[in-house]
Protein backbone atom coordinates (compact mmCIF):
# COMPACT_ATOMS: atom_id res chain seq x y z
CA MET A 1 -1.79 -17.60 14.77
CA ARG A 2 0.01 -18.09 18.08
CA ARG A 3 3.30 -16.91 16.56
CA VAL A 4 1.60 -13.85 15.06
CA SER A 5 0.23 -12.97 18.51
CA GLU A 6 3.69 -13.34 20.04
CA LEU A 7 5.13 -11.02 17.41
CA VAL A 8 2.45 -8.42 18.12
CA TYR A 9 2.87 -8.59 21.91
CA LEU A 10 6.65 -8.31 21.69
CA ALA A 11 6.32 -5.43 19.24
CA LEU A 12 4.01 -3.55 21.62
CA GLY A 13 6.41 -4.13 24.50
CA ILE A 14 9.41 -2.87 22.57
CA PHE A 15 7.37 0.08 21.36
CA LEU A 16 6.44 1.08 24.92
CA ILE A 17 9.98 0.62 26.23
CA THR A 18 11.66 2.40 23.33
CA SER A 19 9.26 5.31 23.14
CA ALA A 20 9.11 6.01 26.87
CA GLY A 21 10.52 9.45 27.41
CA LEU A 22 11.31 9.82 23.70
CA ALA A 23 7.82 10.24 22.28
CA GLN A 24 8.37 13.80 21.16
CA ASP A 25 9.43 13.95 17.48
CA LEU A 26 9.58 10.14 17.34
CA GLU A 27 8.61 8.68 13.96
CA ILE A 28 7.46 5.06 13.97
CA SER A 29 6.87 2.77 11.00
CA GLY A 30 7.15 -0.92 10.34
CA GLN A 31 6.75 -3.94 8.12
CA TYR A 32 5.34 -7.43 8.61
CA ARG A 33 6.44 -10.26 6.31
CA GLY A 34 5.33 -13.86 6.29
CA GLU A 35 6.95 -16.39 3.93
CA PHE A 36 6.43 -20.05 3.16
CA GLU A 37 8.05 -22.44 0.71
CA VAL A 38 7.47 -26.04 -0.35
CA ARG A 39 10.40 -27.90 -1.91
CA SER A 40 9.60 -30.43 -4.59
CA ALA A 41 12.57 -32.73 -3.82
CA ASP A 42 11.13 -33.99 -0.52
CA SER A 43 7.86 -32.03 -0.19
CA SER A 44 9.33 -30.33 2.87
CA TYR A 45 7.67 -27.18 4.14
CA ALA A 46 9.37 -24.16 5.69
CA HIS A 47 7.99 -20.87 6.89
CA GLN A 48 9.20 -17.74 8.58
CA GLN A 49 7.73 -14.51 9.88
CA TRP A 50 9.28 -11.11 10.54
CA LEU A 51 8.06 -7.97 12.17
CA ASN A 52 10.31 -4.95 11.79
CA LEU A 53 9.66 -1.77 13.74
CA TYR A 54 11.52 1.38 12.67
CA PHE A 55 12.07 4.21 15.13
CA ASP A 56 13.54 7.53 13.94
CA LYS A 57 14.10 10.47 16.22
CA SER A 58 15.77 13.81 15.69
CA LEU A 59 18.28 14.75 18.38
CA GLY A 60 18.48 18.37 17.34
CA GLN A 61 19.68 19.83 14.07
CA ASP A 62 23.01 18.03 14.19
CA ALA A 63 22.09 14.48 15.25
CA GLY A 64 19.53 11.73 14.91
CA MET A 65 18.78 8.18 16.02
CA HIS A 66 17.51 5.15 14.10
CA LEU A 67 16.39 1.75 15.42
CA ASP A 68 15.30 -1.26 13.39
CA VAL A 69 13.92 -3.81 15.84
CA GLU A 70 13.26 -7.19 14.24
CA LEU A 71 11.25 -10.07 15.63
CA ASN A 72 11.52 -13.25 13.58
CA SER A 73 10.45 -16.86 13.77
CA TYR A 74 12.07 -19.38 11.43
CA GLY A 75 9.48 -22.16 11.43
CA THR A 76 9.53 -22.55 15.22
CA ASN A 77 7.29 -21.67 18.13
CA SER A 78 9.82 -19.19 19.49
CA VAL A 79 10.35 -15.58 18.47
CA THR A 80 13.85 -14.13 18.26
CA PRO A 81 14.17 -10.37 18.88
CA LEU A 82 17.22 -8.50 17.62
CA PHE A 83 18.38 -5.09 16.46
CA GLN A 84 19.02 -5.16 12.72
CA GLU A 85 20.17 -1.55 12.98
CA ALA A 86 20.66 0.70 15.98
CA TYR A 87 22.77 3.77 15.37
CA VAL A 88 23.22 7.46 16.08
CA ASP A 89 24.06 10.00 13.36
CA TYR A 90 26.07 13.15 13.99
CA TYR A 91 26.42 15.82 11.30
CA THR A 92 29.11 18.46 10.96
CA ASP A 93 29.74 20.93 8.14
CA TYR A 94 31.73 18.47 6.03
CA ILE A 95 31.51 15.05 7.71
CA ASP A 96 28.58 12.76 8.53
CA TRP A 97 29.34 10.33 11.39
CA ARG A 98 27.45 7.14 12.27
CA PHE A 99 28.01 4.96 15.35
CA GLY A 100 26.29 1.66 16.11
CA LYS A 101 24.84 -1.30 14.26
CA GLN A 102 24.39 -0.32 10.62
CA VAL A 103 24.37 -1.32 6.97
CA ILE A 104 27.33 0.20 5.09
CA SER A 105 26.09 0.47 1.51
CA TRP A 106 29.11 0.39 -0.78
CA GLY A 107 28.86 -0.97 -4.31
CA SER A 108 26.54 -0.30 -7.26
CA ALA A 109 25.93 -3.65 -8.98
CA TYR A 110 22.59 -5.44 -8.81
CA GLN A 111 22.40 -7.46 -5.54
CA LEU A 112 25.94 -8.88 -5.93
CA ASN A 113 28.41 -6.28 -4.65
CA PRO A 114 32.08 -7.27 -4.36
CA THR A 115 32.97 -3.90 -2.76
CA SER A 116 30.32 -4.26 -0.04
CA TYR A 117 32.93 -5.50 2.38
CA PHE A 118 31.24 -5.31 5.75
CA ASN A 119 27.64 -6.57 5.73
CA PRO A 120 26.87 -10.28 5.27
CA TYR A 121 23.74 -11.56 3.53
CA ASP A 122 20.63 -12.87 5.24
CA LEU A 123 20.25 -16.20 3.43
CA THR A 124 17.13 -17.29 5.33
CA ILE A 125 14.78 -15.32 3.09
CA ILE A 126 13.20 -16.27 -0.24
CA ASN A 127 15.51 -14.03 -2.27
CA PRO A 128 18.94 -14.26 -0.57
CA GLY A 129 20.38 -11.21 -2.32
CA GLU A 130 17.69 -8.87 -1.02
CA LYS A 131 18.86 -8.29 2.52
CA ARG A 132 22.14 -7.57 4.27
CA MET A 133 22.71 -7.82 8.00
CA GLY A 134 23.77 -4.85 10.09
CA VAL A 135 27.19 -4.81 11.77
CA ILE A 136 28.45 -2.85 14.76
CA ALA A 137 30.74 -0.20 13.34
CA ALA A 138 31.87 3.41 13.32
CA SER A 139 31.64 5.04 9.90
CA ALA A 140 32.05 8.50 8.43
CA ARG A 141 31.71 10.27 5.08
CA TYR A 142 33.57 13.46 4.17
CA TYR A 143 32.11 15.70 1.45
CA GLY A 144 34.99 17.53 -0.16
CA PRO A 145 35.38 19.98 -3.02
CA GLN A 146 34.90 19.03 -6.70
CA ARG A 147 32.27 16.45 -5.69
CA ILE A 148 34.86 14.23 -4.04
CA GLU A 149 33.74 12.06 -1.12
CA ILE A 150 35.86 10.01 1.27
CA ALA A 151 34.17 7.33 3.37
CA GLY A 152 35.62 5.06 6.02
CA ALA A 153 34.39 2.36 8.39
CA ILE A 154 35.83 0.21 11.15
CA THR A 155 34.28 -2.72 13.05
CA PRO A 156 35.75 -4.79 15.90
CA PHE A 157 33.40 -7.76 15.35
CA HIS A 158 33.51 -10.32 12.55
CA SER A 159 30.12 -11.32 11.11
CA THR A 160 29.17 -14.02 8.62
CA HIS A 161 26.25 -14.86 6.38
CA GLN A 162 23.07 -15.73 8.30
CA LEU A 163 22.02 -19.25 7.34
CA PRO A 164 18.82 -21.17 8.07
CA PRO A 165 18.99 -23.24 11.28
CA GLY A 166 21.20 -26.28 10.78
CA SER A 167 22.57 -25.19 7.39
CA GLU A 168 25.98 -24.13 8.67
CA ARG A 169 26.72 -27.53 10.21
CA MET A 170 25.38 -29.25 7.10
CA LEU A 171 27.68 -27.24 4.82
CA LEU A 172 30.65 -27.85 7.12
CA ALA A 173 29.92 -31.59 7.19
CA GLN A 174 29.59 -31.76 3.39
CA THR A 175 32.85 -29.88 2.89
CA ALA A 176 34.63 -32.05 5.48
CA ALA A 177 33.51 -35.17 3.59
CA GLN A 178 34.86 -33.73 0.31
CA VAL A 179 38.20 -32.87 1.94
CA THR A 180 38.51 -36.36 3.44
CA GLN A 181 37.79 -37.89 0.03
CA GLY A 182 40.54 -35.76 -1.48
CA LEU A 183 43.00 -36.91 1.21
CA ASN A 184 42.20 -40.53 0.36
CA GLN A 185 43.07 -39.92 -3.27
CA SER A 186 46.39 -38.32 -2.35
CA VAL A 187 47.47 -41.09 0.08
CA PRO A 188 47.08 -44.46 -1.70
CA GLY A 189 46.76 -47.65 0.32
CA ILE A 190 45.44 -46.00 3.48
CA THR A 191 41.80 -45.17 4.23
CA ILE A 192 41.47 -41.78 5.87
CA SER A 193 38.18 -41.19 7.68
CA PRO A 194 36.69 -38.25 9.60
CA ASP A 195 37.42 -38.47 13.31
CA PRO A 196 34.06 -39.58 14.79
CA ASN A 197 34.74 -37.63 17.98
CA ASN A 198 35.77 -34.43 16.20
CA PRO A 199 35.17 -34.58 12.42
CA TYR A 200 35.56 -30.83 11.89
CA SER A 201 36.32 -27.65 13.79
CA ILE A 202 33.80 -24.78 13.51
CA PRO A 203 35.60 -21.53 12.59
CA VAL A 204 35.63 -18.51 14.88
CA VAL A 205 37.23 -15.07 14.56
CA PRO A 206 37.90 -13.70 18.08
CA SER A 207 36.64 -10.18 18.82
CA THR A 208 39.99 -8.65 19.73
CA LEU A 209 41.67 -5.41 18.77
CA GLU A 210 44.08 -7.07 16.34
CA LYS A 211 41.12 -8.72 14.56
CA THR A 212 39.46 -5.38 13.79
CA SER A 213 38.30 -4.89 10.19
CA GLY A 214 38.35 -1.56 8.40
CA GLY A 215 38.05 0.02 4.99
CA PHE A 216 37.95 3.26 3.02
CA GLN A 217 36.30 4.51 -0.16
CA VAL A 218 37.20 7.53 -2.29
CA THR A 219 34.51 8.63 -4.77
CA LYS A 220 34.57 11.19 -7.57
CA ARG A 221 31.04 12.02 -8.68
CA GLY A 222 30.06 13.42 -12.06
CA LEU A 223 33.14 12.29 -13.97
CA TRP A 224 31.77 12.28 -17.55
CA ASN A 225 28.35 11.18 -16.23
CA PHE A 226 29.93 8.50 -14.07
CA ASP A 227 30.67 8.07 -10.38
CA VAL A 228 34.03 6.38 -9.83
CA SER A 229 35.04 4.87 -6.48
CA LEU A 230 38.32 3.36 -5.34
CA SER A 231 38.23 1.38 -2.10
CA GLY A 232 40.39 -0.72 0.18
CA TYR A 233 39.69 -3.18 2.97
CA HIS A 234 41.51 -5.24 5.59
CA GLY A 235 39.62 -7.91 7.48
CA TYR A 236 38.16 -11.37 7.14
CA GLY A 237 36.03 -13.17 4.57
CA LYS A 238 32.35 -13.93 5.14
CA PHE A 239 32.59 -17.53 3.96
CA PHE A 240 34.83 -20.17 5.49
CA GLY A 241 37.80 -21.95 3.94
CA VAL A 242 39.74 -25.10 4.86
CA ASP A 243 42.99 -24.81 6.82
CA GLU A 244 44.94 -27.39 4.83
CA GLU A 245 48.02 -27.34 7.07
CA ALA A 246 46.10 -27.93 10.31
CA THR A 247 43.93 -30.57 8.63
CA GLY A 248 46.97 -32.42 7.31
CA ASN A 249 48.63 -32.30 10.74
CA SER A 250 45.59 -34.01 12.28
CA ILE A 251 46.50 -37.33 10.62
CA THR A 252 49.62 -39.47 10.89
CA VAL A 253 50.57 -41.65 7.92
CA ILE A 254 53.73 -43.78 8.24
CA PRO A 255 54.26 -46.10 5.23
CA GLY A 256 54.90 -49.69 6.32
CA GLN A 257 54.02 -49.02 9.96
CA PRO A 258 50.25 -49.40 10.22
CA ASN A 259 50.36 -49.64 14.04
CA GLN A 260 51.69 -46.11 14.29
CA THR A 261 49.41 -44.65 11.62
CA ASP A 262 46.52 -42.43 12.71
CA PRO A 263 44.16 -42.14 9.70
CA LEU A 264 41.44 -40.17 11.51
CA ALA A 265 41.20 -36.60 10.20
CA THR A 266 39.84 -33.43 11.75
CA VAL A 267 39.02 -30.84 9.11
CA TYR A 268 39.86 -27.35 10.37
CA PHE A 269 37.89 -24.43 8.95
CA TYR A 270 38.71 -20.77 9.26
CA TYR A 271 37.72 -17.36 7.90
CA PRO A 272 40.71 -16.19 5.87
CA GLU A 273 42.34 -12.84 6.57
CA VAL A 274 42.37 -10.74 3.43
CA ASN A 275 43.36 -7.36 1.99
CA ARG A 276 41.14 -6.08 -0.82
CA VAL A 277 41.32 -3.30 -3.37
CA GLY A 278 38.14 -2.45 -5.23
CA LEU A 279 36.94 -0.31 -8.14
CA ASP A 280 33.31 0.72 -8.66
CA ILE A 281 32.07 2.66 -11.72
CA ILE A 282 28.42 3.55 -12.30
CA GLY A 283 26.75 5.98 -14.67
CA THR A 284 24.48 6.40 -17.66
CA LEU A 285 24.86 5.85 -21.36
CA GLY A 286 21.87 7.44 -23.06
CA ASP A 287 18.80 6.22 -21.18
CA ALA A 288 20.52 3.09 -19.85
CA GLY A 289 22.36 2.72 -16.59
CA ILE A 290 25.65 0.80 -16.63
CA TRP A 291 28.10 -0.33 -13.94
CA VAL A 292 31.30 -2.25 -13.34
CA GLU A 293 32.41 -3.34 -9.89
CA GLY A 294 35.35 -5.53 -8.94
CA ILE A 295 37.89 -6.42 -6.27
CA GLN A 296 41.36 -7.97 -6.05
CA ASN A 297 41.87 -10.23 -3.00
CA ARG A 298 45.27 -10.72 -1.40
CA TYR A 299 45.04 -13.43 1.26
CA THR A 300 47.57 -13.67 4.06
CA ASN A 301 47.43 -17.48 3.95
CA ASP A 302 49.97 -18.84 1.47
CA HIS A 303 47.82 -21.66 0.06
CA LEU A 304 45.05 -19.29 -1.07
CA ASP A 305 45.35 -17.59 -4.45
CA ASN A 306 45.05 -13.83 -4.83
CA ALA A 307 41.72 -14.20 -6.60
CA PHE A 308 39.57 -11.43 -8.05
CA SER A 309 35.85 -10.91 -8.64
CA VAL A 310 34.13 -8.59 -11.12
CA VAL A 311 30.49 -7.77 -11.87
CA GLY A 312 29.29 -5.66 -14.79
CA GLY A 313 25.86 -4.90 -16.15
CA ALA A 314 23.21 -2.50 -17.36
CA ASP A 315 19.55 -1.69 -16.79
CA TYR A 316 16.90 -0.05 -18.95
CA ARG A 317 13.23 0.89 -18.53
CA PHE A 318 11.15 0.70 -21.70
CA ALA A 319 8.18 2.90 -22.60
CA ASN A 320 5.74 0.08 -21.75
CA ASP A 321 7.12 0.00 -18.16
CA LEU A 322 9.18 -3.14 -18.77
CA TYR A 323 12.32 -2.93 -16.66
CA LEU A 324 15.31 -5.17 -17.49
CA VAL A 325 18.62 -5.79 -15.74
CA GLY A 326 21.41 -7.75 -17.39
CA GLN A 327 24.57 -8.60 -15.52
CA GLY A 328 27.67 -10.75 -15.92
CA LEU A 329 29.93 -11.90 -13.11
CA TYR A 330 33.21 -13.70 -12.67
CA ILE A 331 34.35 -15.05 -9.29
CA GLN A 332 37.78 -16.63 -9.26
CA GLY A 333 38.27 -19.58 -6.93
CA ARG A 334 40.50 -19.04 -3.92
CA SER A 335 42.35 -22.33 -4.49
CA GLU A 336 42.53 -25.30 -6.83
CA ASP A 337 39.70 -26.93 -4.87
CA GLU A 338 37.30 -24.07 -5.57
CA ASP A 339 35.72 -23.68 -8.99
CA ASP A 340 35.67 -20.40 -10.85
CA VAL A 341 32.20 -18.98 -11.48
CA THR A 342 31.44 -17.28 -14.78
CA ALA A 343 27.75 -16.49 -14.92
CA LEU A 344 25.09 -14.41 -16.63
CA MET A 345 22.19 -12.93 -14.68
CA ILE A 346 18.94 -11.37 -15.86
CA HIS A 347 16.12 -9.75 -13.94
CA GLY A 348 12.95 -8.26 -15.38
CA THR A 349 9.76 -6.70 -14.01
CA LYS A 350 6.57 -5.64 -15.78
CA THR A 351 3.42 -3.98 -14.46
CA VAL A 352 0.23 -5.84 -15.42
CA PHE A 353 -3.46 -5.08 -14.88
CA GLY A 354 -2.61 -1.59 -13.71
CA PHE A 355 -1.42 -2.34 -10.16
CA HIS A 356 0.10 -5.81 -10.17
CA GLY A 357 3.36 -7.08 -11.54
CA ILE A 358 5.35 -10.03 -12.82
CA GLU A 359 9.05 -10.71 -12.29
CA LEU A 360 11.61 -13.12 -13.69
CA THR A 361 15.10 -13.70 -12.33
CA GLY A 362 17.58 -16.08 -13.91
CA LEU A 363 21.22 -17.07 -13.44
CA TYR A 364 23.25 -19.26 -15.81
CA ASP A 365 26.77 -20.45 -14.97
CA LEU A 366 28.90 -20.87 -18.10
CA GLU A 367 31.51 -23.05 -16.38
CA SER A 368 29.23 -25.79 -15.03
CA GLU A 369 26.14 -25.16 -17.20
CA SER A 370 24.10 -24.81 -14.01
CA TYR A 371 21.15 -22.44 -13.80
CA PHE A 372 18.14 -21.30 -11.86
CA LEU A 373 14.96 -19.55 -12.97
CA GLN A 374 12.56 -17.79 -10.64
CA PRO A 375 9.25 -16.39 -11.96
CA GLN A 376 7.08 -14.41 -9.56
CA PHE A 377 3.65 -12.75 -9.59
CA ASN A 378 3.07 -9.72 -7.35
CA TYR A 379 -0.55 -9.09 -6.38
CA SER A 380 -1.19 -5.68 -4.83
CA LEU A 381 -3.96 -5.44 -2.23
CA GLY A 382 -3.39 -1.73 -1.73
CA ASN A 383 -0.62 0.80 -1.22
CA ALA A 384 0.80 -1.07 1.76
CA VAL A 385 -0.23 -4.72 1.33
CA ALA A 386 1.21 -7.11 -1.27
CA LEU A 387 1.10 -10.83 -2.00
CA GLU A 388 3.90 -12.54 -3.91
CA PHE A 389 3.68 -16.01 -5.43
CA GLY A 390 6.47 -17.72 -7.28
CA GLY A 391 8.63 -20.73 -7.88
CA THR A 392 12.25 -21.67 -8.48
CA LEU A 393 13.66 -24.16 -10.95
CA VAL A 394 17.27 -25.14 -10.20
CA HIS A 395 19.71 -27.33 -12.12
CA LEU A 396 23.17 -27.88 -10.59
CA ASN A 397 25.70 -29.82 -12.67
CA ASN A 398 28.53 -29.32 -10.21
CA ALA A 399 28.10 -29.90 -6.48
CA GLN A 400 30.66 -27.21 -5.66
CA TYR A 401 28.96 -24.56 -7.74
CA GLY A 402 26.49 -22.70 -5.60
CA SER A 403 27.28 -24.85 -2.55
CA LEU A 404 26.45 -21.90 -0.33
CA PHE A 405 22.95 -21.71 -1.80
CA SER A 406 22.22 -25.29 -2.87
CA GLU A 407 20.81 -26.23 0.53
CA MET A 408 18.56 -23.16 0.56
CA ILE A 409 17.49 -22.84 -3.07
CA GLY A 410 16.05 -25.84 -4.88
CA ASP A 411 13.00 -26.58 -6.97
CA ARG A 412 10.17 -25.07 -4.95
CA VAL A 413 7.07 -22.94 -4.82
CA TYR A 414 6.76 -20.08 -2.37
CA GLY A 415 4.57 -17.22 -1.22
CA ARG A 416 5.06 -14.03 0.78
CA LEU A 417 2.73 -11.50 2.39
CA THR A 418 4.14 -8.02 3.05
CA VAL A 419 2.33 -5.33 5.05
CA ASP A 420 3.87 -1.88 5.51
CA PHE A 421 2.55 0.47 8.18
């Protein structure tokens, strides 16, 4: 209750500060969400609360402002305020401009979007694919003749997936241990161990002009009932890799001279620089929607392969209000140490008892025979209040598969209360 009170007080303060002098034509809405989960592996309990306040104001016929102020508490007694989005729109006859922190929505596949280059995922929530984080950027979209659109975006700041507290260091430590084990196998007769004073180096991408990321997208709409987009991107990945050269240079192995051998390793991580080309096709075939979305990666680091990722699927709503999504995905590993992922995904929803609903989400990896299933029941308390109860069953055959999610998604039960206002 104390944390709820803190959220309310901070929300009122931000409301008063933000609306002062801007009350005219200011539209205000919001959402409160409270989540909890209990993991069966160790009976651990985690909870989090959010309060999002949305402020929209017209700045005349040619401009507007949007703020998404979020207050969140990830199982602690402190509340963290931040701007999820804070941007200004400016409209001309043919170009829409947007400046500030924003979500750049490129890509058409269900939740997994290879061509969504800019915005990382928020992996602290129950369903990690639901929410992307805003980034500070300048973007524009040109509406040309023949239903052709050209979009572009540029951001000077690198952003990565938002992980639960402590998860980033845990993932780095796990990966460092795997790398050290691999070094031991490649150098017989010598035991290589992580340097106790500096076992790994946390990756950082400096915010400098030469580190700026940018991309473009050209879209042709209505091409035989399909929208076709070609895109390009230059920037940095959202998930770290291992700098093999720097890691190897951190140890000294001299055969036959143990006194001059330094077997302590520091594992260096980095976010790889990459150029990407993407294709996105979405349309209808009869009453079904279908899509294909993929990218080709060309990494500037020599030891990383020019891997590609592709997602394709379809959705259909039946007469009895059953809605199904089926999707296949292939993610090629960036190096020999990373497994390929070939997986099938299904998502279904069905209205029951008039106002409530049931959901089922499943993912099966064909390479490792790993899977997860997530059933959920949605109980509606009204137009703006909903309760969700569910559970997740996870089976991982390969420790590398799903390593990004394995610390956040396990066998569990969970619940969520959502209130829109």
